[in-house]
């Protein structure tokens, strides 16, 4: 479970930005469906991020993805590639373009609260730290360049491994290679944070297809949900015929994920079953549609997304989606979110970016679940929550989407160059 994430000097983000999945204690709305109780804390099941194009939404997602990648691959990459970690700093400032980038996350793993982070400067790990909280927060280890301070009582697995740690490898990752219990648990937590793109569904489409083929429980679960789309059933079967155009695509692509998807897709045919009626509107049969050829792009994306939804909800994972609403009717997107709220029994979490203002609904989200990104006059992105606004400006009865499109919360575009454009047109 993710509690809080803090990062600075990454791509369009210059200053330190904090993203929290802890609900505001005084907010009482939607507590039954949208909140996970953890002691005295209200943990949010979902959060959504809005903002203008190029405001930093995708960069926020990328920062989390980069943190996971560094944690899970720094040891392997250092051995194989002998290279330093590549981080794109905020380049629009003379100070930050040469400064360290920082990443820190607070989370629950095996019922223990951890706070873990690191700084990267010029491809090298300059700082790294790990704390846990039992009765109070305690440092398990701290690192500053090649100087390590290790808690010899609570983090015995890290003792005598300091000298084995290169400047381009996280100490946490190295300790995990020596079968450290705590470090491996934390690595596994990061492995359960998954990212998908709402624009490109190749990766999670293949996962859903394989799940449909191999997991009977998922097939039943998926079929039950698809009845809401007037689809009676969904089935999958092996195909013996290999289409030439698919083989050409496989041979010509440099995208490994695309090649794997196409290789699997050529072997299987997915059918969706629809009810057929006679002239008196009496049901007479159910007939198969070729899923890839006869269903809409929105329906295909909806089905492909459900593999990730199932995996996340069943296994208590965290799913982060960039542009969730792409190619989906807002009603379908809303149903996906409501489903995540109502059927979340394993402390799963969903974080996504969106442009669909119709989802900014007080009956769907609490104020503390809605976040915005906005670029300031110096080209730096800023991250803030609807919960940051004073009560007299944002109430739990407010029409969030109307206020947003009217610019009340910021993070929208306003064109103040009309006269300039008019003059250009007239003088052209």
Protein backbone atom coordinates (compact mmCIF):
# COMPACT_ATOMS: atom_id res chain seq x y z
CA UNK A 1 0.00 0.00 0.00
CA UNK A 2 1.36 3.40 -1.03
CA UNK A 3 0.98 6.14 1.58
CA UNK A 4 3.05 9.06 0.29
CA UNK A 5 5.46 9.80 -2.54
CA UNK A 6 7.94 12.67 -2.67
CA UNK A 7 10.28 13.61 -5.53
CA UNK A 8 12.24 16.58 -6.85
CA UNK A 9 14.30 17.68 -9.86
CA UNK A 10 12.88 15.24 -12.37
CA UNK A 11 11.97 16.33 -15.90
CA UNK A 12 9.44 19.19 -15.61
CA UNK A 13 9.37 19.09 -11.80
CA UNK A 14 11.93 21.38 -10.19
CA UNK A 15 10.93 21.72 -6.55
CA UNK A 16 10.04 18.97 -4.10
CA UNK A 17 6.51 17.68 -4.71
CA UNK A 18 4.51 15.44 -2.38
CA UNK A 19 1.70 13.15 -3.50
CA UNK A 20 -0.33 11.63 -0.67
CA UNK A 21 -2.75 8.71 -0.55
CA UNK A 22 -3.77 9.57 3.01
CA UNK A 23 -7.26 11.03 3.29
CA UNK A 24 -7.90 14.28 5.13
CA UNK A 25 -9.26 13.28 8.58
CA UNK A 26 -11.95 15.98 8.62
CA UNK A 27 -13.42 14.93 5.26
CA UNK A 28 -16.44 12.66 5.76
CA UNK A 29 -17.68 12.12 2.21
CA UNK A 30 -17.62 8.69 0.49
CA UNK A 31 -15.93 6.96 3.43
CA UNK A 32 -17.63 3.59 2.89
CA UNK A 33 -16.47 2.98 -0.69
CA UNK A 34 -13.42 5.19 -1.21
CA UNK A 35 -11.45 4.73 2.02
CA UNK A 36 -9.29 1.93 3.44
CA UNK A 37 -9.06 2.05 7.23
CA UNK A 38 -5.54 1.60 8.57
CA UNK A 39 -5.36 2.28 12.29
CA UNK A 40 -6.37 5.89 12.72
CA UNK A 41 -5.55 6.75 9.09
CA UNK A 42 -7.83 6.93 6.08
CA UNK A 43 -5.98 5.50 3.09
CA UNK A 44 -7.37 6.38 -0.33
CA UNK A 45 -8.26 3.56 -2.71
CA UNK A 46 -7.86 5.76 -5.77
CA UNK A 47 -6.50 9.13 -6.87
CA UNK A 48 -6.79 10.99 -10.16
CA UNK A 49 -4.55 13.65 -11.69
CA UNK A 50 -5.74 16.43 -14.02
CA UNK A 51 -3.92 19.17 -15.85
CA UNK A 52 -3.36 20.87 -19.15
CA UNK A 53 -1.38 19.17 -21.94
CA UNK A 54 2.36 19.23 -21.11
CA UNK A 55 1.62 20.24 -17.52
CA UNK A 56 3.48 17.27 -16.01
CA UNK A 57 0.92 14.47 -15.57
CA UNK A 58 2.91 11.92 -17.55
CA UNK A 59 6.16 13.11 -15.95
CA UNK A 60 4.68 12.43 -12.52
CA UNK A 61 3.86 8.86 -13.60
CA UNK A 62 7.33 8.54 -15.15
CA UNK A 63 8.98 9.60 -11.88
CA UNK A 64 7.31 6.73 -10.04
CA UNK A 65 8.19 4.37 -12.87
CA UNK A 66 11.83 5.49 -12.78
CA UNK A 67 11.99 4.92 -9.03
CA UNK A 68 10.68 1.39 -9.44
CA UNK A 69 13.07 0.71 -12.33
CA UNK A 70 16.12 1.89 -10.42
CA UNK A 71 15.16 -0.18 -7.36
CA UNK A 72 14.50 -3.37 -9.29
CA UNK A 73 17.25 -3.20 -11.93
CA UNK A 74 20.21 -1.12 -10.64
CA UNK A 75 22.18 -4.17 -9.46
CA UNK A 76 21.58 -6.13 -12.66
CA UNK A 77 22.26 -3.19 -14.98
CA UNK A 78 25.50 -2.28 -13.19
CA UNK A 79 26.81 -5.80 -13.77
CA UNK A 80 25.69 -6.12 -17.36
CA UNK A 81 26.15 -2.63 -18.72
CA UNK A 82 28.71 -1.08 -16.38
CA UNK A 83 26.85 2.19 -16.79
CA UNK A 84 25.54 4.92 -14.54
CA UNK A 85 21.85 5.60 -13.93
CA UNK A 86 20.34 8.00 -16.46
CA UNK A 87 17.97 10.54 -14.90
CA UNK A 88 16.60 13.53 -16.80
CA UNK A 89 16.82 16.54 -14.50
CA UNK A 90 14.81 19.75 -14.70
CA UNK A 91 16.76 21.53 -17.43
CA UNK A 92 15.19 24.99 -17.40
CA UNK A 93 17.22 26.20 -14.44
CA UNK A 94 20.99 26.62 -14.20
CA UNK A 95 21.05 25.16 -10.69
CA UNK A 96 18.86 22.08 -11.10
CA UNK A 97 20.35 20.94 -14.41
CA UNK A 98 23.45 19.93 -12.45
CA UNK A 99 21.81 19.02 -9.13
CA UNK A 100 20.75 15.70 -7.64
CA UNK A 101 17.30 14.23 -8.23
CA UNK A 102 15.49 12.82 -5.21
CA UNK A 103 12.86 10.08 -4.86
CA UNK A 104 11.18 8.90 -1.65
CA UNK A 105 8.16 6.71 -0.96
CA UNK A 106 6.35 5.80 2.25
CA UNK A 107 4.42 2.53 2.12
CA UNK A 108 3.09 -0.48 4.03
CA UNK A 109 4.76 -3.83 3.40
CA UNK A 110 3.92 -6.95 5.45
CA UNK A 111 2.02 -4.72 7.91
CA UNK A 112 5.13 -2.59 8.55
CA UNK A 113 5.44 1.05 7.53
CA UNK A 114 8.62 1.92 5.62
CA UNK A 115 10.09 5.15 4.29
CA UNK A 116 12.66 4.60 1.57
CA UNK A 117 14.44 6.98 -0.77
CA UNK A 118 17.59 7.91 -2.64
CA UNK A 119 19.28 10.75 -4.50
CA UNK A 120 21.00 10.43 -7.86
CA UNK A 121 23.55 12.96 -9.06
CA UNK A 122 25.28 12.60 -12.42
CA UNK A 123 24.36 8.92 -12.62
CA UNK A 124 25.64 8.06 -9.13
CA UNK A 125 23.82 7.26 -5.91
CA UNK A 126 24.81 10.06 -3.54
CA UNK A 127 22.31 9.40 -0.77
CA UNK A 128 20.06 6.50 0.23
CA UNK A 129 17.98 5.83 3.32
CA UNK A 130 15.53 3.32 4.77
CA UNK A 131 13.38 3.76 7.88
CA UNK A 132 10.67 1.62 9.41
CA UNK A 133 8.03 2.40 12.00
CA UNK A 134 6.98 0.07 14.77
CA UNK A 135 6.30 2.19 17.84
CA UNK A 136 8.39 5.03 16.37
CA UNK A 137 10.32 5.64 13.18
CA UNK A 138 13.79 4.07 13.23
CA UNK A 139 16.60 4.26 10.67
CA UNK A 140 17.58 0.87 9.22
CA UNK A 141 20.39 2.36 7.17
CA UNK A 142 21.64 5.66 5.84
CA UNK A 143 24.10 6.22 3.04
CA UNK A 144 25.93 9.34 1.95
CA UNK A 145 28.24 8.65 -0.97
CA UNK A 146 30.44 5.78 0.29
CA UNK A 147 29.72 6.31 3.99
CA UNK A 148 27.13 3.92 5.46
CA UNK A 149 25.39 3.90 8.83
CA UNK A 150 23.66 0.56 9.44
CA UNK A 151 21.34 -0.37 12.29
CA UNK A 152 23.09 -3.51 13.50
CA UNK A 153 20.03 -4.63 15.46
CA UNK A 154 17.21 -4.05 13.00
CA UNK A 155 19.05 -4.42 9.68
CA UNK A 156 21.59 -7.18 10.25
CA UNK A 157 21.28 -8.28 6.62
CA UNK A 158 23.18 -5.16 5.53
CA UNK A 159 26.24 -5.64 7.75
CA UNK A 160 29.59 -6.03 5.93
CA UNK A 161 28.07 -5.37 2.50
CA UNK A 162 29.02 -1.71 2.33
CA UNK A 163 32.29 -2.31 0.49
CA UNK A 164 30.52 -4.39 -2.15
CA UNK A 165 28.24 -1.49 -3.14
CA UNK A 166 29.17 0.45 -6.25
CA UNK A 167 28.25 4.10 -6.69
CA UNK A 168 25.69 3.22 -9.38
CA UNK A 169 23.95 0.50 -7.33
CA UNK A 170 21.38 0.96 -4.60
CA UNK A 171 22.44 -0.58 -1.30
CA UNK A 172 18.90 -1.95 -0.91
CA UNK A 173 19.17 -3.76 -4.25
CA UNK A 174 22.56 -5.21 -3.42
CA UNK A 175 21.46 -6.49 0.00
CA UNK A 176 18.49 -8.17 -1.67
CA UNK A 177 20.93 -10.12 -3.86
CA UNK A 178 22.38 -11.60 -0.66
CA UNK A 179 18.89 -12.82 0.34
CA UNK A 180 18.17 -10.09 2.85
CA UNK A 181 14.65 -10.59 4.18
CA UNK A 182 13.64 -6.94 4.61
CA UNK A 183 15.30 -5.81 1.39
CA UNK A 184 13.64 -8.57 -0.64
CA UNK A 185 10.24 -7.73 0.84
CA UNK A 186 10.71 -4.13 -0.25
CA UNK A 187 11.84 -5.16 -3.74
CA UNK A 188 8.70 -7.32 -3.98
CA UNK A 189 6.59 -4.34 -2.93
CA UNK A 190 8.01 -2.33 -5.83
CA UNK A 191 7.38 -5.26 -8.17
CA UNK A 192 3.70 -5.07 -7.21
CA UNK A 193 3.48 -1.47 -8.43
CA UNK A 194 2.41 -1.76 -12.06
CA UNK A 195 2.22 0.82 -14.83
CA UNK A 196 0.14 0.78 -17.99
CA UNK A 197 -0.62 3.33 -20.67
CA UNK A 198 -4.16 4.22 -21.64
CA UNK A 199 -2.87 5.16 -25.08
CA UNK A 200 -1.03 1.94 -25.93
CA UNK A 201 -2.66 -1.28 -24.77
CA UNK A 202 -0.23 -3.84 -26.21
CA UNK A 203 1.39 -4.85 -22.92
CA UNK A 204 -1.73 -5.32 -20.83
CA UNK A 205 -3.72 -6.63 -23.79
CA UNK A 206 -1.37 -9.60 -24.01
CA UNK A 207 -1.64 -10.15 -20.25
CA UNK A 208 -5.45 -10.20 -20.46
CA UNK A 209 -5.43 -12.59 -23.43
CA UNK A 210 -3.10 -15.00 -21.63
CA UNK A 211 -5.20 -14.71 -18.47
CA UNK A 212 -8.35 -15.45 -20.45
CA UNK A 213 -6.69 -18.50 -21.96
CA UNK A 214 -5.21 -19.96 -18.76
CA UNK A 215 -7.35 -18.81 -15.81
CA UNK A 216 -10.89 -20.17 -15.71
CA UNK A 217 -11.83 -17.99 -12.72
CA UNK A 218 -10.82 -14.88 -14.64
CA UNK A 219 -12.85 -16.03 -17.65
CA UNK A 220 -15.97 -16.34 -15.49
CA UNK A 221 -15.27 -13.01 -13.81
CA UNK A 222 -14.78 -11.29 -17.15
CA UNK A 223 -17.89 -12.83 -18.69
CA UNK A 224 -20.00 -11.64 -15.76
CA UNK A 225 -18.79 -8.05 -16.18
CA UNK A 226 -19.28 -8.07 -19.96
CA UNK A 227 -22.99 -8.74 -19.53
CA UNK A 228 -23.26 -5.03 -18.67
CA UNK A 229 -22.19 -4.36 -22.29
CA UNK A 230 -24.84 -6.74 -23.65
CA UNK A 231 -22.14 -9.33 -24.34
CA UNK A 232 -23.35 -12.76 -23.25
CA UNK A 233 -19.96 -14.44 -23.05
CA UNK A 234 -16.36 -14.31 -24.21
CA UNK A 235 -14.30 -17.24 -25.42
CA UNK A 236 -10.84 -17.95 -26.78
CA UNK A 237 -9.53 -20.69 -29.04
CA UNK A 238 -6.26 -21.66 -30.69
CA UNK A 239 -5.81 -20.90 -34.38
CA UNK A 240 -3.76 -23.05 -36.70
CA UNK A 241 -3.63 -20.56 -39.54
CA UNK A 242 -0.93 -17.88 -39.33
CA UNK A 243 -1.77 -14.74 -41.27
CA UNK A 244 1.03 -13.45 -43.47
CA UNK A 245 0.56 -9.80 -42.55
CA UNK A 246 1.00 -10.61 -38.84
CA UNK A 247 4.20 -12.54 -39.58
CA UNK A 248 5.53 -9.57 -41.51
CA UNK A 249 4.77 -7.26 -38.61
CA UNK A 250 6.59 -9.57 -36.20
CA UNK A 251 9.64 -9.74 -38.46
CA UNK A 252 9.76 -6.00 -39.05
CA UNK A 253 9.18 -4.64 -35.55
CA UNK A 254 11.92 -3.62 -33.13
CA UNK A 255 9.45 -3.43 -30.25
CA UNK A 256 9.87 -6.58 -28.15
CA UNK A 257 6.48 -6.20 -26.41
CA UNK A 258 4.73 -5.73 -29.74
CA UNK A 259 6.45 -8.80 -31.17
CA UNK A 260 5.38 -10.94 -28.21
CA UNK A 261 1.82 -9.65 -28.44
CA UNK A 262 1.59 -10.35 -32.16
CA UNK A 263 3.16 -13.78 -31.74
CA UNK A 264 0.53 -14.71 -29.17
CA UNK A 265 -2.31 -12.99 -31.00
CA UNK A 266 -1.76 -14.97 -34.18
CA UNK A 267 -2.33 -18.20 -32.29
CA UNK A 268 -5.61 -17.29 -30.61
CA UNK A 269 -9.00 -16.09 -31.68
CA UNK A 270 -11.20 -14.24 -29.19
CA UNK A 271 -14.95 -14.30 -29.71
CA UNK A 272 -17.60 -12.25 -27.97
CA UNK A 273 -21.09 -13.72 -27.98
CA UNK A 274 -24.14 -11.56 -28.68
CA UNK A 275 -27.85 -12.29 -28.47
CA UNK A 276 -29.74 -12.66 -31.75
CA UNK A 277 -33.48 -11.93 -32.04
CA UNK A 278 -36.22 -12.63 -34.56
CA UNK A 279 -38.57 -10.13 -36.18
CA UNK A 280 -40.70 -10.14 -33.03
CA UNK A 281 -37.69 -9.35 -30.84
CA UNK A 282 -37.71 -12.83 -29.35
CA UNK A 283 -34.36 -14.33 -28.45
CA UNK A 284 -33.47 -17.11 -30.87
CA UNK A 285 -29.73 -17.60 -30.56
CA UNK A 286 -26.34 -16.25 -29.48
CA UNK A 287 -23.75 -15.71 -32.19
CA UNK A 288 -19.98 -15.07 -32.03
CA UNK A 289 -18.32 -11.81 -33.09
CA UNK A 290 -14.66 -11.69 -33.98
CA UNK A 291 -13.40 -9.61 -31.07
CA UNK A 292 -10.56 -7.92 -32.97
CA UNK A 293 -12.58 -7.16 -36.10
CA UNK A 294 -16.17 -6.60 -34.99
CA UNK A 295 -15.95 -4.92 -31.58
CA UNK A 296 -15.32 -1.20 -31.15
CA UNK A 297 -11.94 0.15 -30.07
CA UNK A 298 -13.49 1.27 -26.79
CA UNK A 299 -14.88 -2.19 -26.03
CA UNK A 300 -11.53 -3.79 -26.83
CA UNK A 301 -9.67 -1.44 -24.54
CA UNK A 302 -12.25 -1.97 -21.77
CA UNK A 303 -11.79 -5.75 -21.99
CA UNK A 304 -8.00 -5.51 -22.13
CA UNK A 305 -7.98 -3.28 -19.03
CA UNK A 306 -9.94 -5.83 -17.02
CA UNK A 307 -6.96 -8.19 -16.85
CA UNK A 308 -5.01 -5.55 -14.93
CA UNK A 309 -8.09 -4.71 -12.82
CA UNK A 310 -8.50 -8.36 -11.84
CA UNK A 311 -4.81 -8.84 -11.01
CA UNK A 312 -4.66 -5.63 -8.97
CA UNK A 313 -7.83 -6.25 -6.96
CA UNK A 314 -7.19 -9.94 -6.36
CA UNK A 315 -3.57 -9.58 -5.30
CA UNK A 316 -3.59 -6.26 -3.44
CA UNK A 317 -1.35 -4.44 -5.92
CA UNK A 318 -0.99 -0.81 -7.00
CA UNK A 319 -1.95 0.11 -10.56
CA UNK A 320 -0.86 3.41 -12.13
CA UNK A 321 -2.43 4.34 -15.47
CA UNK A 322 -1.49 7.26 -17.70
CA UNK A 323 -4.48 8.56 -19.71
CA UNK A 324 -6.97 6.01 -18.40
CA UNK A 325 -9.93 7.50 -20.27
CA UNK A 326 -8.36 7.39 -23.75
CA UNK A 327 -10.79 5.69 -26.20
CA UNK A 328 -13.29 5.01 -23.40
CA UNK A 329 -16.74 6.55 -23.01
CA UNK A 330 -16.86 8.39 -19.70
CA UNK A 331 -19.62 6.02 -18.51
CA UNK A 332 -17.34 2.99 -18.94
CA UNK A 333 -14.43 4.77 -17.25
CA UNK A 334 -16.69 5.73 -14.34
CA UNK A 335 -17.89 2.13 -14.00
CA UNK A 336 -14.28 0.90 -13.87
CA UNK A 337 -13.50 3.33 -11.05
CA UNK A 338 -16.70 2.53 -9.14
CA UNK A 339 -15.92 -1.16 -9.48
CA UNK A 340 -12.46 -0.56 -8.05
CA UNK A 341 -13.97 1.31 -5.10
CA UNK A 342 -16.67 -1.23 -4.28
CA UNK A 343 -14.82 -4.52 -4.78
CA UNK A 344 -11.52 -3.64 -3.14
CA UNK A 345 -10.96 -6.08 -0.28
CA UNK A 346 -7.17 -6.49 -0.47
CA UNK A 347 -5.93 -2.92 0.05
CA UNK A 348 -5.38 -2.35 -3.68
CA UNK A 349 -4.85 1.14 -5.05
CA UNK A 350 -5.39 2.89 -8.38
CA UNK A 351 -3.72 6.13 -9.49
CA UNK A 352 -4.45 7.54 -12.93
CA UNK A 353 -4.24 10.67 -15.05
CA UNK A 354 -7.17 11.87 -17.11
CA UNK A 355 -8.60 14.68 -19.25
CA UNK A 356 -12.23 13.63 -18.82
CA UNK A 357 -13.79 16.41 -16.74
CA UNK A 358 -17.03 14.45 -16.34
CA UNK A 359 -15.18 12.19 -13.89
CA UNK A 360 -14.68 15.19 -11.60
CA UNK A 361 -17.80 14.20 -9.73
CA UNK A 362 -18.40 14.62 -5.99
CA UNK A 363 -20.32 11.32 -6.07
CA UNK A 364 -17.26 9.51 -7.46
CA UNK A 365 -14.27 11.18 -5.76
CA UNK A 366 -13.51 12.89 -2.48
CA UNK A 367 -11.68 16.21 -2.59
CA UNK A 368 -8.46 14.60 -1.35
CA UNK A 369 -8.52 12.09 -4.25
CA UNK A 370 -8.31 14.80 -6.92
CA UNK A 371 -4.90 16.21 -7.89
CA UNK A 372 -3.70 18.75 -10.44
CA UNK A 373 -0.48 19.52 -12.28
CA UNK A 374 0.26 23.03 -13.52
CA UNK A 375 3.30 24.71 -15.03
CA UNK A 376 4.40 28.02 -13.57
CA UNK A 377 5.93 30.96 -15.45
CA UNK A 378 9.41 29.43 -15.13
CA UNK A 379 8.45 26.18 -16.89
CA UNK A 380 8.32 24.07 -13.72
CA UNK A 381 5.42 21.74 -12.94
CA UNK A 382 3.66 21.94 -9.60
CA UNK A 383 1.52 19.21 -8.04
CA UNK A 384 -1.34 20.03 -5.70
CA UNK A 385 -4.61 18.58 -4.43
CA UNK A 386 -8.18 19.85 -4.42
CA UNK A 387 -7.98 19.31 -0.67
CA UNK A 388 -5.42 22.14 -0.51
CA UNK A 389 -8.09 24.74 -1.28
CA UNK A 390 -9.88 26.48 1.58
CA UNK A 391 -13.33 25.22 2.53
CA UNK A 392 -15.09 28.39 1.40
CA UNK A 393 -13.73 27.86 -2.12
CA UNK A 394 -14.25 24.09 -2.41
CA UNK A 395 -17.02 22.32 -0.55
CA UNK A 396 -17.99 18.68 -0.78
CA UNK A 397 -21.18 19.84 -2.51
CA UNK A 398 -19.30 21.79 -5.20
CA UNK A 399 -19.66 20.99 -8.90
CA UNK A 400 -16.01 20.10 -9.32
CA UNK A 401 -15.96 19.81 -13.10
CA UNK A 402 -17.70 23.17 -13.63
CA UNK A 403 -15.29 24.91 -11.30
CA UNK A 404 -12.36 23.22 -13.03
CA UNK A 405 -13.30 24.25 -16.59
CA UNK A 406 -13.93 27.78 -15.32
CA UNK A 407 -10.37 27.91 -14.04
CA UNK A 408 -11.23 28.02 -10.35
CA UNK A 409 -8.66 25.34 -9.50
CA UNK A 410 -6.02 26.31 -12.06
CA UNK A 411 -4.35 23.65 -14.23
CA UNK A 412 -6.24 24.79 -17.36
CA UNK A 413 -5.31 26.80 -20.45
CA UNK A 414 -6.36 30.36 -21.06
CA UNK A 415 -5.39 32.07 -24.32
CA UNK A 416 -4.56 35.72 -23.78
CA UNK A 417 -3.08 36.33 -27.24
CA UNK A 418 -6.24 36.93 -29.28
CA UNK A 419 -5.26 40.43 -30.46
CA UNK A 420 -1.77 39.27 -31.42
CA UNK A 421 -3.19 36.38 -33.47
CA UNK A 422 -5.76 38.68 -35.12
CA UNK A 423 -3.03 41.14 -36.14
CA UNK A 424 -0.96 38.32 -37.62
CA UNK A 425 -3.89 37.10 -39.70
CA UNK A 426 -4.73 40.58 -40.94
CA UNK A 427 -1.14 41.37 -41.85
CA UNK A 428 -0.35 38.04 -43.46
